[in-house]
Amino acid sequence: MEKRRKGLYVNVIEGVLMGFFMTLAILLIYAVVVHFVQINENITSLLIIIATLLSVVYGSVYASRKTGKKGWLNGLMVALIYFLIFYLVAIVAQSRDAMLTVKDLSRLGLCIFVGILAGMLGINID
C-alpha cells in the first residue's frame, strides 16, 4: 500500500501550491464581499489568519496523502515554505523591513503547529 509516487519534496511543493490556490480563492471571495460591504480592519486581519491556517491544513493534508508517510514532516515543511513565501510577499507588498515581529513569530508557530497536526491527519485519511 505504498502511496509514494513522487519524491517527498515534489509532494510538499504541490501541497504548498494547493494551499496558495486555496488562499487565492478565499481572498477573491473576500474581495467581492468587501466591494459590497464595509468591513472592519480587525476582521480583515482575522480573515487573513484563518485563510492562512486553512490553506496550510489543506496543503499539509494534500502532501501527506500523496506521500503516504511522515505526515508530521510533510506538514512542517508545507507550513514553513508557505509561511516563508507568504511573509516575503507581504514584505514586498507593504515595503516594510524584513524583521520578524512577535506577531509574525506567533503566526509562524501557529502555522507550524497546525501544519504538523494536519500532516498527521492526512496520513490517516483514506
N, C-alpha and C. Protein backbone atom coordinates (compact mmCIF):
# COMPACT_ATOMS: atom_id res chain seq x y z
N MET A 1 0.83 -1.19 0.00
CA MET A 1 0.00 0.00 0.00
C MET A 1 0.87 1.25 0.00
N GLU A 2 1.87 1.26 -0.78
CA GLU A 2 2.79 2.39 -0.88
C GLU A 2 2.19 3.47 -1.77
N LYS A 3 1.99 4.66 -1.20
CA LYS A 3 1.38 5.76 -1.94
C LYS A 3 2.42 6.65 -2.61
N ARG A 4 3.67 6.47 -2.27
CA ARG A 4 4.73 7.37 -2.74
C ARG A 4 5.00 7.15 -4.22
N ARG A 5 4.57 8.08 -5.02
CA ARG A 5 4.80 8.01 -6.46
C ARG A 5 5.87 9.01 -6.88
N LYS A 6 5.94 10.10 -6.18
CA LYS A 6 6.91 11.14 -6.48
C LYS A 6 7.78 11.33 -5.25
N GLY A 7 8.76 12.18 -5.36
CA GLY A 7 9.61 12.46 -4.23
C GLY A 7 8.88 13.27 -3.17
N LEU A 8 9.40 13.22 -1.97
CA LEU A 8 8.82 13.97 -0.85
C LEU A 8 8.75 15.45 -1.16
N TYR A 9 9.80 15.99 -1.73
CA TYR A 9 9.84 17.43 -1.98
C TYR A 9 8.83 17.86 -3.04
N VAL A 10 8.62 17.02 -4.04
CA VAL A 10 7.64 17.33 -5.07
C VAL A 10 6.25 17.39 -4.46
N ASN A 11 5.94 16.43 -3.59
CA ASN A 11 4.63 16.42 -2.93
C ASN A 11 4.46 17.63 -2.02
N VAL A 12 5.51 18.02 -1.34
CA VAL A 12 5.44 19.20 -0.46
C VAL A 12 5.21 20.46 -1.28
N ILE A 13 5.93 20.61 -2.39
CA ILE A 13 5.74 21.79 -3.24
C ILE A 13 4.33 21.80 -3.81
N GLU A 14 3.82 20.64 -4.21
CA GLU A 14 2.44 20.58 -4.69
C GLU A 14 1.47 20.97 -3.58
N GLY A 15 1.74 20.54 -2.35
CA GLY A 15 0.91 20.93 -1.22
C GLY A 15 0.92 22.43 -0.98
N VAL A 16 2.10 23.03 -1.09
CA VAL A 16 2.21 24.49 -0.93
C VAL A 16 1.42 25.20 -2.03
N LEU A 17 1.54 24.72 -3.25
CA LEU A 17 0.79 25.34 -4.36
C LEU A 17 -0.72 25.19 -4.15
N MET A 18 -1.15 24.02 -3.69
CA MET A 18 -2.58 23.83 -3.42
C MET A 18 -3.05 24.78 -2.32
N GLY A 19 -2.20 24.99 -1.32
CA GLY A 19 -2.52 25.94 -0.27
C GLY A 19 -2.65 27.36 -0.80
N PHE A 20 -1.76 27.74 -1.71
CA PHE A 20 -1.84 29.08 -2.28
C PHE A 20 -3.07 29.25 -3.17
N PHE A 21 -3.45 28.19 -3.88
CA PHE A 21 -4.68 28.27 -4.67
C PHE A 21 -5.90 28.45 -3.75
N MET A 22 -5.88 27.78 -2.61
CA MET A 22 -6.98 27.95 -1.66
C MET A 22 -6.99 29.37 -1.10
N THR A 23 -5.82 29.90 -0.78
CA THR A 23 -5.73 31.28 -0.29
C THR A 23 -6.26 32.25 -1.34
N LEU A 24 -5.89 32.03 -2.58
CA LEU A 24 -6.36 32.88 -3.67
C LEU A 24 -7.88 32.85 -3.78
N ALA A 25 -8.47 31.67 -3.68
CA ALA A 25 -9.93 31.54 -3.76
C ALA A 25 -10.60 32.28 -2.59
N ILE A 26 -10.07 32.12 -1.39
CA ILE A 26 -10.65 32.79 -0.22
C ILE A 26 -10.54 34.30 -0.37
N LEU A 27 -9.40 34.79 -0.81
CA LEU A 27 -9.22 36.23 -0.95
C LEU A 27 -10.05 36.82 -2.09
N LEU A 28 -10.28 36.06 -3.14
CA LEU A 28 -11.17 36.53 -4.21
C LEU A 28 -12.61 36.67 -3.70
N ILE A 29 -13.06 35.69 -2.94
CA ILE A 29 -14.40 35.77 -2.35
C ILE A 29 -14.48 36.97 -1.41
N TYR A 30 -13.43 37.16 -0.61
CA TYR A 30 -13.39 38.30 0.31
C TYR A 30 -13.43 39.63 -0.44
N ALA A 31 -12.71 39.71 -1.56
CA ALA A 31 -12.69 40.94 -2.34
C ALA A 31 -14.07 41.28 -2.88
N VAL A 32 -14.82 40.28 -3.30
CA VAL A 32 -16.18 40.52 -3.78
C VAL A 32 -17.07 41.01 -2.64
N VAL A 33 -16.93 40.40 -1.47
CA VAL A 33 -17.74 40.82 -0.32
C VAL A 33 -17.39 42.25 0.09
N VAL A 34 -16.11 42.58 0.11
CA VAL A 34 -15.67 43.92 0.50
C VAL A 34 -16.16 44.97 -0.49
N HIS A 35 -16.32 44.58 -1.72
CA HIS A 35 -16.81 45.52 -2.73
C HIS A 35 -18.22 46.00 -2.39
N PHE A 36 -19.02 45.15 -1.78
CA PHE A 36 -20.41 45.50 -1.48
C PHE A 36 -20.65 45.89 -0.02
N VAL A 37 -19.78 45.48 0.89
CA VAL A 37 -19.99 45.71 2.32
C VAL A 37 -18.72 46.29 2.93
N GLN A 38 -18.88 47.28 3.80
CA GLN A 38 -17.75 47.85 4.53
C GLN A 38 -17.37 46.90 5.66
N ILE A 39 -16.09 46.48 5.70
CA ILE A 39 -15.64 45.52 6.71
C ILE A 39 -14.52 46.15 7.52
N ASN A 40 -14.56 45.91 8.83
CA ASN A 40 -13.59 46.43 9.78
C ASN A 40 -12.20 45.82 9.51
N GLU A 41 -11.15 46.58 9.80
CA GLU A 41 -9.79 46.11 9.58
C GLU A 41 -9.44 44.93 10.48
N ASN A 42 -10.01 44.87 11.68
CA ASN A 42 -9.76 43.73 12.57
C ASN A 42 -10.30 42.43 11.97
N ILE A 43 -11.42 42.52 11.30
CA ILE A 43 -11.99 41.34 10.65
C ILE A 43 -11.12 40.92 9.48
N THR A 44 -10.55 41.88 8.78
CA THR A 44 -9.64 41.57 7.68
C THR A 44 -8.41 40.83 8.19
N SER A 45 -7.84 41.28 9.28
CA SER A 45 -6.67 40.63 9.87
C SER A 45 -7.01 39.20 10.30
N LEU A 46 -8.17 39.04 10.92
CA LEU A 46 -8.61 37.71 11.34
C LEU A 46 -8.84 36.80 10.14
N LEU A 47 -9.42 37.33 9.08
CA LEU A 47 -9.65 36.53 7.88
C LEU A 47 -8.33 36.07 7.25
N ILE A 48 -7.33 36.91 7.27
CA ILE A 48 -6.03 36.52 6.72
C ILE A 48 -5.42 35.38 7.52
N ILE A 49 -5.54 35.43 8.83
CA ILE A 49 -5.04 34.35 9.68
C ILE A 49 -5.81 33.06 9.40
N ILE A 50 -7.12 33.15 9.34
CA ILE A 50 -7.95 31.97 9.07
C ILE A 50 -7.65 31.39 7.69
N ALA A 51 -7.52 32.25 6.69
CA ALA A 51 -7.20 31.79 5.33
C ALA A 51 -5.84 31.11 5.30
N THR A 52 -4.88 31.67 6.02
CA THR A 52 -3.55 31.07 6.08
C THR A 52 -3.60 29.69 6.71
N LEU A 53 -4.29 29.58 7.84
CA LEU A 53 -4.36 28.29 8.53
C LEU A 53 -5.12 27.25 7.72
N LEU A 54 -6.24 27.64 7.11
CA LEU A 54 -6.98 26.69 6.28
C LEU A 54 -6.14 26.23 5.09
N SER A 55 -5.38 27.14 4.52
CA SER A 55 -4.53 26.79 3.38
C SER A 55 -3.40 25.86 3.79
N VAL A 56 -2.82 26.10 4.96
CA VAL A 56 -1.77 25.21 5.46
C VAL A 56 -2.34 23.83 5.75
N VAL A 57 -3.54 23.78 6.32
CA VAL A 57 -4.19 22.49 6.58
C VAL A 57 -4.41 21.74 5.27
N TYR A 58 -4.98 22.42 4.30
CA TYR A 58 -5.26 21.79 3.01
C TYR A 58 -3.97 21.31 2.33
N GLY A 59 -2.96 22.16 2.30
CA GLY A 59 -1.70 21.78 1.68
C GLY A 59 -1.00 20.65 2.40
N SER A 60 -1.05 20.65 3.73
CA SER A 60 -0.41 19.59 4.51
C SER A 60 -1.11 18.25 4.33
N VAL A 61 -2.43 18.27 4.36
CA VAL A 61 -3.19 17.03 4.15
C VAL A 61 -2.93 16.51 2.74
N TYR A 62 -2.93 17.40 1.77
CA TYR A 62 -2.68 17.00 0.38
C TYR A 62 -1.31 16.34 0.24
N ALA A 63 -0.27 16.99 0.75
CA ALA A 63 1.09 16.46 0.63
C ALA A 63 1.24 15.13 1.37
N SER A 64 0.64 15.03 2.54
CA SER A 64 0.75 13.81 3.34
C SER A 64 0.04 12.64 2.68
N ARG A 65 -1.12 12.90 2.13
CA ARG A 65 -1.85 11.83 1.45
C ARG A 65 -1.08 11.35 0.23
N LYS A 66 -0.43 12.27 -0.49
CA LYS A 66 0.33 11.87 -1.67
C LYS A 66 1.59 11.08 -1.30
N THR A 67 2.25 11.48 -0.21
CA THR A 67 3.48 10.81 0.19
C THR A 67 3.19 9.49 0.89
N GLY A 68 2.23 9.48 1.79
CA GLY A 68 1.85 8.25 2.47
C GLY A 68 2.64 7.93 3.72
N LYS A 69 3.59 8.77 4.09
CA LYS A 69 4.35 8.54 5.32
C LYS A 69 4.91 9.86 5.84
N LYS A 70 5.33 9.84 7.08
CA LYS A 70 5.92 11.01 7.74
C LYS A 70 5.04 12.25 7.59
N GLY A 71 3.80 12.12 8.00
CA GLY A 71 2.86 13.23 7.87
C GLY A 71 3.29 14.47 8.62
N TRP A 72 3.86 14.30 9.79
CA TRP A 72 4.29 15.46 10.57
C TRP A 72 5.37 16.24 9.83
N LEU A 73 6.28 15.52 9.15
CA LEU A 73 7.34 16.19 8.41
C LEU A 73 6.78 16.91 7.18
N ASN A 74 5.84 16.28 6.49
CA ASN A 74 5.20 16.93 5.35
C ASN A 74 4.50 18.20 5.79
N GLY A 75 3.73 18.11 6.88
CA GLY A 75 3.01 19.27 7.39
C GLY A 75 3.95 20.39 7.83
N LEU A 76 5.03 20.02 8.47
CA LEU A 76 6.02 21.01 8.91
C LEU A 76 6.63 21.72 7.71
N MET A 77 7.02 20.97 6.70
CA MET A 77 7.65 21.57 5.53
C MET A 77 6.67 22.45 4.75
N VAL A 78 5.44 21.98 4.59
CA VAL A 78 4.43 22.79 3.90
C VAL A 78 4.21 24.10 4.66
N ALA A 79 4.07 24.01 5.98
CA ALA A 79 3.82 25.21 6.79
C ALA A 79 4.99 26.19 6.69
N LEU A 80 6.21 25.70 6.80
CA LEU A 80 7.38 26.59 6.74
C LEU A 80 7.52 27.26 5.38
N ILE A 81 7.40 26.48 4.31
CA ILE A 81 7.55 27.05 2.98
C ILE A 81 6.41 28.03 2.68
N TYR A 82 5.19 27.64 3.03
CA TYR A 82 4.04 28.51 2.81
C TYR A 82 4.22 29.83 3.55
N PHE A 83 4.59 29.75 4.83
CA PHE A 83 4.75 30.97 5.63
C PHE A 83 5.89 31.84 5.08
N LEU A 84 6.98 31.22 4.71
CA LEU A 84 8.12 31.97 4.19
C LEU A 84 7.74 32.74 2.92
N ILE A 85 7.06 32.07 2.00
CA ILE A 85 6.64 32.75 0.77
C ILE A 85 5.62 33.84 1.07
N PHE A 86 4.64 33.53 1.91
CA PHE A 86 3.61 34.50 2.29
C PHE A 86 4.24 35.71 2.96
N TYR A 87 5.23 35.48 3.83
CA TYR A 87 5.91 36.57 4.54
C TYR A 87 6.72 37.44 3.58
N LEU A 88 7.43 36.80 2.64
CA LEU A 88 8.21 37.57 1.67
C LEU A 88 7.33 38.41 0.77
N VAL A 89 6.20 37.86 0.36
CA VAL A 89 5.25 38.63 -0.46
C VAL A 89 4.71 39.81 0.34
N ALA A 90 4.41 39.59 1.62
CA ALA A 90 3.91 40.68 2.47
C ALA A 90 4.95 41.78 2.64
N ILE A 91 6.21 41.41 2.77
CA ILE A 91 7.28 42.41 2.90
C ILE A 91 7.38 43.25 1.63
N VAL A 92 7.34 42.60 0.48
CA VAL A 92 7.44 43.32 -0.79
C VAL A 92 6.21 44.21 -1.00
N ALA A 93 5.03 43.68 -0.70
CA ALA A 93 3.79 44.42 -0.94
C ALA A 93 3.66 45.63 -0.02
N GLN A 94 4.15 45.51 1.20
CA GLN A 94 3.99 46.59 2.17
C GLN A 94 5.22 47.48 2.26
N SER A 95 6.28 47.15 1.58
CA SER A 95 7.54 47.91 1.61
C SER A 95 8.01 48.15 3.04
N ARG A 96 8.04 47.08 3.81
CA ARG A 96 8.48 47.22 5.20
C ARG A 96 9.79 46.47 5.40
N ASP A 97 10.38 46.66 6.58
CA ASP A 97 11.63 45.99 6.90
C ASP A 97 11.40 44.49 7.04
N ALA A 98 12.43 43.72 6.74
CA ALA A 98 12.33 42.27 6.80
C ALA A 98 12.66 41.77 8.20
N MET A 99 12.02 42.37 9.19
CA MET A 99 12.26 42.00 10.57
C MET A 99 11.04 41.27 11.12
N LEU A 100 11.28 40.10 11.69
CA LEU A 100 10.18 39.34 12.27
C LEU A 100 9.74 39.97 13.58
N THR A 101 8.46 40.23 13.70
CA THR A 101 7.90 40.77 14.94
C THR A 101 7.34 39.62 15.77
N VAL A 102 6.91 39.93 16.97
CA VAL A 102 6.29 38.92 17.83
C VAL A 102 5.02 38.38 17.18
N LYS A 103 4.29 39.25 16.52
CA LYS A 103 3.08 38.85 15.80
C LYS A 103 3.41 37.85 14.68
N ASP A 104 4.48 38.13 13.94
CA ASP A 104 4.90 37.23 12.87
C ASP A 104 5.35 35.88 13.43
N LEU A 105 6.09 35.91 14.52
CA LEU A 105 6.57 34.67 15.12
C LEU A 105 5.42 33.84 15.68
N SER A 106 4.40 34.50 16.23
CA SER A 106 3.25 33.74 16.73
C SER A 106 2.47 33.12 15.57
N ARG A 107 2.37 33.85 14.46
CA ARG A 107 1.72 33.27 13.27
C ARG A 107 2.52 32.09 12.73
N LEU A 108 3.84 32.21 12.74
CA LEU A 108 4.69 31.11 12.29
C LEU A 108 4.50 29.89 13.18
N GLY A 109 4.50 30.10 14.49
CA GLY A 109 4.29 29.00 15.42
C GLY A 109 2.94 28.33 15.23
N LEU A 110 1.93 29.13 15.02
CA LEU A 110 0.59 28.59 14.78
C LEU A 110 0.54 27.81 13.47
N CYS A 111 1.18 28.33 12.43
CA CYS A 111 1.24 27.63 11.14
C CYS A 111 1.95 26.28 11.29
N ILE A 112 3.06 26.26 12.01
CA ILE A 112 3.81 25.03 12.20
C ILE A 112 2.97 24.01 12.97
N PHE A 113 2.34 24.45 14.05
CA PHE A 113 1.51 23.56 14.86
C PHE A 113 0.38 22.97 14.03
N VAL A 114 -0.33 23.82 13.32
CA VAL A 114 -1.46 23.36 12.50
C VAL A 114 -0.97 22.47 11.36
N GLY A 115 0.16 22.83 10.75
CA GLY A 115 0.70 22.03 9.66
C GLY A 115 1.09 20.63 10.10
N ILE A 116 1.74 20.53 11.26
CA ILE A 116 2.13 19.21 11.78
C ILE A 116 0.90 18.36 12.07
N LEU A 117 -0.09 18.95 12.74
CA LEU A 117 -1.31 18.19 13.03
C LEU A 117 -2.05 17.78 11.77
N ALA A 118 -2.14 18.68 10.80
CA ALA A 118 -2.83 18.36 9.55
C ALA A 118 -2.06 17.30 8.77
N GLY A 119 -0.75 17.34 8.81
CA GLY A 119 0.05 16.32 8.13
C GLY A 119 -0.19 14.95 8.73
N MET A 120 -0.25 14.88 10.07
CA MET A 120 -0.54 13.60 10.72
C MET A 120 -1.96 13.13 10.39
N LEU A 121 -2.89 14.06 10.31
CA LEU A 121 -4.25 13.72 9.94
C LEU A 121 -4.31 13.21 8.50
N GLY A 122 -3.56 13.83 7.61
CA GLY A 122 -3.56 13.45 6.20
C GLY A 122 -3.10 12.02 5.96
N ILE A 123 -2.19 11.53 6.79
CA ILE A 123 -1.72 10.15 6.66
C ILE A 123 -2.85 9.18 6.98
N ASN A 124 -3.70 9.54 7.92
CA ASN A 124 -4.73 8.62 8.42
C ASN A 124 -6.06 8.72 7.69
N ILE A 125 -6.18 9.62 6.73
CA ILE A 125 -7.42 9.74 5.96
C ILE A 125 -7.33 8.79 4.77
N ASP A 126 -8.36 8.00 4.61
CA ASP A 126 -8.39 7.09 3.45
C ASP A 126 -9.36 7.55 2.41
